[in-house]
C-alpha atoms as a PDB file:
ATOM      1  CA  MET A   1      64.037 -10.898  61.718  1.00  0.00           C
ATOM      2  CA  PRO A   2      65.637 -12.915  58.886  1.00  0.00           C
ATOM      3  CA  PHE A   3      66.521 -11.326  55.547  1.00  0.00           C
ATOM      4  CA  LEU A   4      66.200 -13.644  52.578  1.00  0.00           C
ATOM      5  CA  TYR A   5      68.338 -12.613  49.607  1.00  0.00           C
ATOM      6  CA  ASN A   6      68.383 -15.794  47.528  1.00  0.00           C
ATOM      7  CA  LYS A   7      65.738 -15.526  44.781  1.00  0.00           C
ATOM      8  CA  ASN A   8      64.570 -19.124  45.204  1.00  0.00           C
ATOM      9  CA  SER A   9      64.183 -18.622  48.960  1.00  0.00           C
ATOM     10  CA  ILE A  10      62.233 -15.406  48.415  1.00  0.00           C
ATOM     11  CA  ARG A  11      59.953 -16.984  45.800  1.00  0.00           C
ATOM     12  CA  GLU A  12      59.141 -19.953  48.027  1.00  0.00           C
ATOM     13  CA  ALA A  13      58.481 -17.696  51.020  1.00  0.00           C
ATOM     14  CA  LEU A  14      56.116 -15.491  49.011  1.00  0.00           C
ATOM     15  CA  GLU A  15      54.259 -18.431  47.494  1.00  0.00           C
ATOM     16  CA  SER A  16      54.095 -20.727  50.529  1.00  0.00           C
ATOM     17  CA  HIS A  17      53.877 -18.389  53.533  1.00  0.00           C
ATOM     18  CA  PRO A  18      53.037 -14.848  52.396  1.00  0.00           C
ATOM     19  CA  GLU A  19      51.552 -14.124  55.825  1.00  0.00           C
ATOM     20  CA  LYS A  20      55.086 -14.316  57.283  1.00  0.00           C
ATOM     21  CA  ALA A  21      56.595 -11.927  54.709  1.00  0.00           C
ATOM     22  CA  ARG A  22      56.944  -8.356  55.965  1.00  0.00           C
ATOM     23  CA  ARG A  23      58.361  -6.433  52.999  1.00  0.00           C
ATOM     24  CA  LEU A  24      60.195  -6.981  49.715  1.00  0.00           C
ATOM     25  CA  LEU A  25      63.100  -4.612  49.081  1.00  0.00           C
ATOM     26  CA  ILE A  26      64.610  -4.068  45.610  1.00  0.00           C
ATOM     27  CA  ARG A  27      67.879  -2.292  44.910  1.00  0.00           C
ATOM     28  CA  GLN A  28      67.228   0.736  42.703  1.00  0.00           C
ATOM     29  CA  GLY A  29      68.099   0.010  39.079  1.00  0.00           C
ATOM     30  CA  HIS A  30      67.257  -3.698  39.350  1.00  0.00           C
ATOM     31  CA  GLU A  31      63.490  -3.476  39.106  1.00  0.00           C
ATOM     32  CA  LYS A  32      63.356  -5.227  35.731  1.00  0.00           C
ATOM     33  CA  VAL A  33      65.323  -8.337  36.785  1.00  0.00           C
ATOM     34  CA  SER A  34      63.212  -8.503  39.946  1.00  0.00           C
ATOM     35  CA  ASP A  35      59.904  -8.108  38.107  1.00  0.00           C
ATOM     36  CA  GLU A  36      58.758 -11.699  38.750  1.00  0.00           C
ATOM     37  CA  LEU A  37      59.221 -11.321  42.502  1.00  0.00           C
ATOM     38  CA  ILE A  38      57.548  -7.907  42.504  1.00  0.00           C
ATOM     39  CA  GLU A  39      54.507  -9.368  40.726  1.00  0.00           C
ATOM     40  CA  GLU A  40      54.332 -12.247  43.210  1.00  0.00           C
ATOM     41  CA  ALA A  41      54.534  -9.790  46.120  1.00  0.00           C
ATOM     42  CA  LYS A  42      51.667  -7.764  44.631  1.00  0.00           C
ATOM     43  CA  LYS A  43      49.643 -10.947  44.114  1.00  0.00           C
ATOM     44  CA  GLN A  44      50.145 -12.004  47.740  1.00  0.00           C
ATOM     45  CA  GLY A  45      49.560  -8.555  49.188  1.00  0.00           C
ATOM     46  CA  VAL A  46      53.131  -8.171  50.426  1.00  0.00           C
ATOM     47  CA  PRO A  47      54.397  -4.561  50.339  1.00  0.00           C
ATOM     48  CA  PHE A  48      57.511  -3.791  48.300  1.00  0.00           C
ATOM     49  CA  ARG A  49      59.856  -0.839  48.073  1.00  0.00           C
ATOM     50  CA  ILE A  50      62.566   0.350  45.676  1.00  0.00           C
ATOM     51  CA  VAL A  51      65.602   1.339  47.758  1.00  0.00           C
ATOM     52  CA  PRO A  52      68.673   3.395  46.726  1.00  0.00           C
ATOM     53  CA  SER A  53      71.755   1.197  46.343  1.00  0.00           C
ATOM     54  CA  GLU A  54      73.682   2.457  49.375  1.00  0.00           C
ATOM     55  CA  ALA A  55      70.634   2.268  51.646  1.00  0.00           C
ATOM     56  CA  PHE A  56      69.865  -1.243  50.353  1.00  0.00           C
ATOM     57  CA  THR A  57      73.362  -2.466  51.248  1.00  0.00           C
ATOM     58  CA  LYS A  58      73.142  -0.868  54.683  1.00  0.00           C
ATOM     59  CA  LYS A  59      69.690  -2.332  55.364  1.00  0.00           C
ATOM     60  CA  CYS A  60      70.199  -5.852  53.977  1.00  0.00           C
ATOM     61  CA  GLY A  61      73.907  -6.249  54.678  1.00  0.00           C
ATOM     62  CA  SER A  62      74.691  -7.577  51.209  1.00  0.00           C
ATOM     63  CA  SER A  63      76.383  -5.832  48.313  1.00  0.00           C
ATOM     64  CA  ARG A  64      75.972  -8.875  46.034  1.00  0.00           C
ATOM     65  CA  SER A  65      72.203  -9.271  46.116  1.00  0.00           C
ATOM     66  CA  HIS A  66      69.722  -6.920  44.464  1.00  0.00           C
ATOM     67  CA  VAL A  67      66.555  -8.126  46.196  1.00  0.00           C
ATOM     68  CA  CYS A  68      65.779  -8.890  49.827  1.00  0.00           C
ATOM     69  CA  LEU A  69      62.725 -10.120  51.743  1.00  0.00           C
ATOM     70  CA  GLU A  70      62.101  -9.272  55.371  1.00  0.00           C
ATOM     71  CA  ARG A  71      60.454 -12.331  56.916  1.00  0.00           C
ATOM     72  CA  ASP A  72      59.215 -13.332  60.363  1.00  0.00           C
ATOM     73  CA  ASP A  73      61.356 -15.727  62.370  1.00  0.00           C
ATOM     74  CA  PHE A  74      60.938 -19.437  61.644  1.00  0.00           C
ATOM     75  CA  ASP A  75      58.176 -21.148  63.644  1.00  0.00           C
ATOM     76  CA  TYR A  76      59.140 -24.346  65.449  1.00  0.00           C
ATOM     77  CA  THR A  77      56.654 -27.061  66.377  1.00  0.00           C
ATOM     78  CA  ASP A  78      56.113 -27.562  70.104  1.00  0.00           C
ATOM     79  CA  GLN A  79      57.729 -30.832  71.220  1.00  0.00           C
ATOM     80  CA  ASP A  80      54.642 -32.053  73.119  1.00  0.00           C
ATOM     81  CA  ALA A  81      52.214 -31.066  70.373  1.00  0.00           C
ATOM     82  CA  PHE A  82      54.292 -33.037  67.879  1.00  0.00           C
ATOM     83  CA  LEU A  83      54.120 -36.164  70.040  1.00  0.00           C
ATOM     84  CA  GLN A  84      50.337 -35.902  70.111  1.00  0.00           C
ATOM     85  CA  ARG A  85      50.254 -35.943  66.312  1.00  0.00           C
ATOM     86  CA  LEU A  86      52.524 -38.962  65.909  1.00  0.00           C
ATOM     87  CA  ASP A  87      49.756 -41.549  66.264  1.00  0.00           C
ATOM     88  CA  SER A  88      47.967 -40.122  63.234  1.00  0.00           C
ATOM     89  CA  MET A  89      51.078 -40.312  61.037  1.00  0.00           C
ATOM     90  CA  ASN A  90      51.605 -43.343  58.818  1.00  0.00           C
ATOM     91  CA  ALA A  91      55.161 -44.724  59.254  1.00  0.00           C
ATOM     92  CA  PRO A  92      56.716 -41.367  60.172  1.00  0.00           C
ATOM     93  CA  PHE A  93      60.211 -40.669  58.879  1.00  0.00           C
ATOM     94  CA  LEU A  94      61.986 -38.421  61.373  1.00  0.00           C
ATOM     95  CA  CYS A  95      65.567 -37.198  61.640  1.00  0.00           C
ATOM     96  CA  ALA A  96      67.267 -35.950  64.796  1.00  0.00           C
ATOM     97  CA  LEU A  97      70.361 -33.737  64.773  1.00  0.00           C
ATOM     98  CA  ASP A  98      72.633 -34.018  67.793  1.00  0.00           C
ATOM     99  CA  GLY A  99      74.473 -30.720  67.941  1.00  0.00           C
ATOM    100  CA  VAL A 100      74.810 -29.559  64.324  1.00  0.00           C
ATOM    101  CA  GLN A 101      76.181 -26.043  64.791  1.00  0.00           C
ATOM    102  CA  ASP A 102      77.315 -25.048  61.301  1.00  0.00           C
ATOM    103  CA  PRO A 103      74.550 -23.118  59.454  1.00  0.00           C
ATOM    104  CA  GLN A 104      75.955 -24.267  56.098  1.00  0.00           C
ATOM    105  CA  ASN A 105      75.492 -27.887  57.146  1.00  0.00           C
ATOM    106  CA  LEU A 106      72.028 -27.220  58.554  1.00  0.00           C
ATOM    107  CA  GLY A 107      70.983 -25.380  55.394  1.00  0.00           C
ATOM    108  CA  ASN A 108      71.998 -28.336  53.232  1.00  0.00           C
ATOM    109  CA  ILE A 109      70.282 -30.753  55.636  1.00  0.00           C
ATOM    110  CA  VAL A 110      67.064 -28.740  55.438  1.00  0.00           C
ATOM    111  CA  ARG A 111      67.242 -28.795  51.640  1.00  0.00           C
ATOM    112  CA  SER A 112      67.739 -32.579  51.563  1.00  0.00           C
ATOM    113  CA  SER A 113      64.968 -32.979  54.133  1.00  0.00           C
ATOM    114  CA  ALA A 114      62.449 -31.191  51.916  1.00  0.00           C
ATOM    115  CA  CYS A 115      63.662 -33.044  48.813  1.00  0.00           C
ATOM    116  CA  LEU A 116      63.563 -36.531  50.304  1.00  0.00           C
ATOM    117  CA  GLY A 117      60.343 -36.380  52.295  1.00  0.00           C
ATOM    118  CA  VAL A 118      61.515 -36.194  55.916  1.00  0.00           C
ATOM    119  CA  ASP A 119      58.424 -35.612  58.058  1.00  0.00           C
ATOM    120  CA  ALA A 120      60.219 -33.592  60.750  1.00  0.00           C
ATOM    121  CA  LEU A 121      63.657 -32.507  61.918  1.00  0.00           C
ATOM    122  CA  ILE A 122      64.303 -32.750  65.650  1.00  0.00           C
ATOM    123  CA  PHE A 123      67.157 -30.973  67.389  1.00  0.00           C
ATOM    124  CA  PRO A 124      68.044 -29.757  70.882  1.00  0.00           C
ATOM    125  CA  LYS A 125      67.566 -26.189  72.034  1.00  0.00           C
ATOM    126  CA  ASP A 126      71.158 -26.103  73.288  1.00  0.00           C
ATOM    127  CA  ARG A 127      74.365 -26.740  71.320  1.00  0.00           C
ATOM    128  CA  SER A 128      72.586 -26.489  68.014  1.00  0.00           C
ATOM    129  CA  CYS A 129      72.285 -23.996  65.177  1.00  0.00           C
ATOM    130  CA  VAL A 130      68.877 -22.365  64.821  1.00  0.00           C
ATOM    131  CA  ILE A 131      67.071 -21.903  61.518  1.00  0.00           C
ATOM    132  CA  ASN A 132      68.230 -18.389  60.666  1.00  0.00           C
ATOM    133  CA  GLU A 133      68.644 -16.366  57.471  1.00  0.00           C
ATOM    134  CA  THR A 134      71.894 -18.145  56.546  1.00  0.00           C
ATOM    135  CA  VAL A 135      70.200 -21.535  56.847  1.00  0.00           C
ATOM    136  CA  ALA A 136      67.164 -20.304  54.896  1.00  0.00           C
ATOM    137  CA  ASN A 137      69.285 -18.939  52.058  1.00  0.00           C
ATOM    138  CA  ILE A 138      71.582 -21.985  51.875  1.00  0.00           C
ATOM    139  CA  SER A 139      68.496 -24.230  51.743  1.00  0.00           C
ATOM    140  CA  ARG A 140      67.240 -22.344  48.655  1.00  0.00           C
ATOM    141  CA  GLY A 141      63.767 -21.933  50.154  1.00  0.00           C
ATOM    142  CA  ALA A 142      63.416 -25.428  51.641  1.00  0.00           C
ATOM    143  CA  THR A 143      62.731 -23.960  55.097  1.00  0.00           C
ATOM    144  CA  GLU A 144      59.221 -23.193  53.797  1.00  0.00           C
ATOM    145  CA  PHE A 145      58.549 -26.932  53.349  1.00  0.00           C
ATOM    146  CA  ILE A 146      59.891 -28.571  56.498  1.00  0.00           C
ATOM    147  CA  GLU A 147      58.699 -29.064  60.061  1.00  0.00           C
ATOM    148  CA  ALA A 148      61.247 -28.571  62.823  1.00  0.00           C
ATOM    149  CA  VAL A 149      60.909 -29.527  66.482  1.00  0.00           C
ATOM    150  CA  ARG A 150      63.239 -28.088  69.116  1.00  0.00           C
ATOM    151  CA  VAL A 151      63.457 -30.221  72.265  1.00  0.00           C
ATOM    152  CA  THR A 152      64.784 -29.597  75.749  1.00  0.00           C
ATOM    153  CA  ASN A 153      66.560 -32.949  76.085  1.00  0.00           C
ATOM    154  CA  LEU A 154      67.284 -34.930  72.924  1.00  0.00           C
ATOM    155  CA  SER A 155      68.111 -38.322  74.474  1.00  0.00           C
ATOM    156  CA  ARG A 156      64.964 -38.194  76.633  1.00  0.00           C
ATOM    157  CA  TYR A 157      62.886 -37.257  73.594  1.00  0.00           C
ATOM    158  CA  LEU A 158      64.345 -40.181  71.634  1.00  0.00           C
ATOM    159  CA  ASP A 159      63.339 -42.460  74.525  1.00  0.00           C
ATOM    160  CA  THR A 160      59.793 -41.127  74.252  1.00  0.00           C
ATOM    161  CA  LEU A 161      59.776 -41.779  70.499  1.00  0.00           C
ATOM    162  CA  LYS A 162      60.944 -45.346  71.100  1.00  0.00           C
ATOM    163  CA  LYS A 163      58.092 -45.937  73.569  1.00  0.00           C
ATOM    164  CA  ARG A 164      55.712 -44.864  70.796  1.00  0.00           C
ATOM    165  CA  GLY A 165      57.049 -47.527  68.460  1.00  0.00           C
ATOM    166  CA  ILE A 166      59.593 -45.483  66.495  1.00  0.00           C
ATOM    167  CA  PHE A 167      62.958 -47.151  65.909  1.00  0.00           C
ATOM    168  CA  CYS A 168      65.872 -44.779  66.482  1.00  0.00           C
ATOM    169  CA  TYR A 169      69.054 -45.473  64.543  1.00  0.00           C
ATOM    170  CA  GLY A 170      72.254 -43.508  65.037  1.00  0.00           C
ATOM    171  CA  LEU A 171      74.586 -42.919  62.075  1.00  0.00           C
ATOM    172  CA  ASP A 172      78.307 -43.311  62.700  1.00  0.00           C
ATOM    173  CA  GLU A 173      81.238 -44.489  60.598  1.00  0.00           C
ATOM    174  CA  ARG A 174      82.035 -47.051  63.334  1.00  0.00           C
ATOM    175  CA  GLY A 175      78.518 -48.512  63.342  1.00  0.00           C
ATOM    176  CA  GLY A 176      78.299 -52.290  63.300  1.00  0.00           C
ATOM    177  CA  THR A 177      75.602 -52.648  60.623  1.00  0.00           C
ATOM    178  CA  ALA A 178      75.386 -51.154  57.156  1.00  0.00           C
ATOM    179  CA  LEU A 179      72.472 -48.762  56.698  1.00  0.00           C
ATOM    180  CA  TRP A 180      70.875 -50.693  53.820  1.00  0.00           C
ATOM    181  CA  GLU A 181      70.840 -53.950  55.778  1.00  0.00           C
ATOM    182  CA  ILE A 182      68.089 -52.510  58.003  1.00  0.00           C
ATOM    183  CA  ASP A 183      64.390 -52.399  57.076  1.00  0.00           C
ATOM    184  CA  LEU A 184      63.577 -48.666  57.129  1.00  0.00           C
ATOM    185  CA  ARG A 185      60.016 -48.882  55.833  1.00  0.00           C
ATOM    186  CA  GLY A 186      58.385 -48.616  59.265  1.00  0.00           C
ATOM    187  CA  PRO A 187      58.341 -45.732  61.780  1.00  0.00           C
ATOM    188  CA  VAL A 188      61.925 -44.565  62.016  1.00  0.00           C
ATOM    189  CA  CYS A 189      64.099 -41.757  63.328  1.00  0.00           C
ATOM    190  CA  LEU A 190      67.636 -41.428  61.980  1.00  0.00           C
ATOM    191  CA  VAL A 191      69.978 -39.704  64.428  1.00  0.00           C
ATOM    192  CA  PHE A 192      72.982 -37.727  63.169  1.00  0.00           C
ATOM    193  CA  GLY A 193      75.840 -36.317  65.191  1.00  0.00           C
ATOM    194  CA  GLY A 194      77.136 -32.816  64.723  1.00  0.00           C
ATOM    195  CA  GLU A 195      80.528 -31.880  63.415  1.00  0.00           C
ATOM    196  CA  GLU A 196      82.105 -33.863  66.288  1.00  0.00           C
ATOM    197  CA  GLY A 197      79.856 -36.920  65.970  1.00  0.00           C
ATOM    198  CA  LEU A 198      77.172 -38.413  68.215  1.00  0.00           C
ATOM    199  CA  ARG A 199      77.397 -37.670  71.918  1.00  0.00           C
ATOM    200  CA  ARG A 200      77.727 -40.763  74.116  1.00  0.00           C
ATOM    201  CA  LEU A 201      74.306 -40.471  75.778  1.00  0.00           C
ATOM    202  CA  THR A 202      72.589 -39.967  72.427  1.00  0.00           C
ATOM    203  CA  ARG A 203      74.461 -42.914  70.943  1.00  0.00           C
ATOM    204  CA  ASP A 204      73.534 -45.154  73.878  1.00  0.00           C
ATOM    205  CA  THR A 205      69.860 -44.191  73.558  1.00  0.00           C
ATOM    206  CA  CYS A 206      69.629 -45.359  69.933  1.00  0.00           C
ATOM    207  CA  ASP A 207      68.279 -48.851  69.169  1.00  0.00           C
ATOM    208  CA  ALA A 208      71.332 -49.466  66.980  1.00  0.00           C
ATOM    209  CA  VAL A 209      74.188 -47.544  65.394  1.00  0.00           C
ATOM    210  CA  LEU A 210      74.483 -47.890  61.611  1.00  0.00           C
ATOM    211  CA  ARG A 211      77.183 -46.954  59.161  1.00  0.00           C
ATOM    212  CA  ILE A 212      77.257 -45.826  55.557  1.00  0.00           C
ATOM    213  CA  PRO A 213      79.912 -48.054  53.932  1.00  0.00           C
ATOM    214  CA  THR A 214      82.736 -45.901  52.592  1.00  0.00           C
ATOM    215  CA  ASN A 215      86.344 -46.149  51.486  1.00  0.00           C
ATOM    216  CA  PRO A 216      88.240 -47.644  54.483  1.00  0.00           C
ATOM    217  CA  SER A 217      91.194 -45.351  53.861  1.00  0.00           C
ATOM    218  CA  PHE A 218      88.971 -42.250  54.203  1.00  0.00           C
ATOM    219  CA  PRO A 219      85.682 -43.225  55.916  1.00  0.00           C
ATOM    220  CA  SER A 220      84.493 -39.877  57.300  1.00  0.00           C
ATOM    221  CA  LEU A 221      81.576 -38.082  55.627  1.00  0.00           C
ATOM    222  CA  ASN A 222      80.318 -34.557  56.259  1.00  0.00           C
ATOM    223  CA  VAL A 223      77.081 -34.657  58.306  1.00  0.00           C
ATOM    224  CA  ALA A 224      75.058 -33.010  55.519  1.00  0.00           C
ATOM    225  CA  THR A 225      76.309 -35.612  53.029  1.00  0.00           C
ATOM    226  CA  SER A 226      75.547 -38.458  55.448  1.00  0.00           C
ATOM    227  CA  PHE A 227      72.082 -37.022  55.949  1.00  0.00           C
ATOM    228  CA  ALA A 228      71.381 -36.924  52.207  1.00  0.00           C
ATOM    229  CA  LEU A 229      72.644 -40.471  51.607  1.00  0.00           C
ATOM    230  CA  ALA A 230      70.766 -41.975  54.551  1.00  0.00           C
ATOM    231  CA  SER A 231      67.536 -40.125  53.774  1.00  0.00           C
ATOM    232  CA  TYR A 232      67.705 -41.300  50.182  1.00  0.00           C
ATOM    233  CA  GLU A 233      68.032 -44.898  51.386  1.00  0.00           C
ATOM    234  CA  VAL A 234      64.803 -44.501  53.382  1.00  0.00           C
ATOM    235  CA  LYS A 235      63.032 -43.029  50.363  1.00  0.00           C
ATOM    236  CA  LYS A 236      64.353 -45.813  48.108  1.00  0.00           C
ATOM    237  CA  GLN A 237      63.138 -48.555  50.458  1.00  0.00           C
ATOM    238  CA  ARG A 238      59.684 -46.943  50.644  1.00  0.00           C
ATOM    239  CA  ARG A 239      59.120 -46.733  46.877  1.00  0.00           C
END
């Protein structure tokens, strides 16, 4: 069960999905600074408890935070159910993550995804970070606003998306075409490699491999930064 200790994450969880919130815990002596969250918990019918400082640290595992929300695990969308919904979506904007294992990166990706209107994140069940409490806290509550699909075989799933008319573009610094030279206004899935880049089979499955033009003397971008830049380009083209 995840523990959310970032105030923004807690607020979004209480407001957006109170049915998934188990209990709000407040470190004794910090009731006043946590008053807004306590009132929201009362409003949503979520129980709260004032906990002695030592017990709070032992329970929540953090000596820096003064408030903590116990929340149910994140719910993923079934891969087949998501495919059934695709036909009803207008020009879906999807992003696939091929082996992102760093929760800091995934948390920032989730935050950018919510900010920039990504319809769903797709990632494999193996060799990939799950949406856990670290991801939720790094995302500053964005996990409450995104849809995530975990798939058994990413390259096979990309093939299925392509058969349904969705163009799949890999992102790599060695790509032959600049990202903004491609029309991204139609159904599209951007595919990002993990910390070690795209795997060969995933790369070969993509319709094309694109690059974000950078300084030739230092061309490599962090995956979370690449995700934000590429997602913004899609949003810009769809204005």
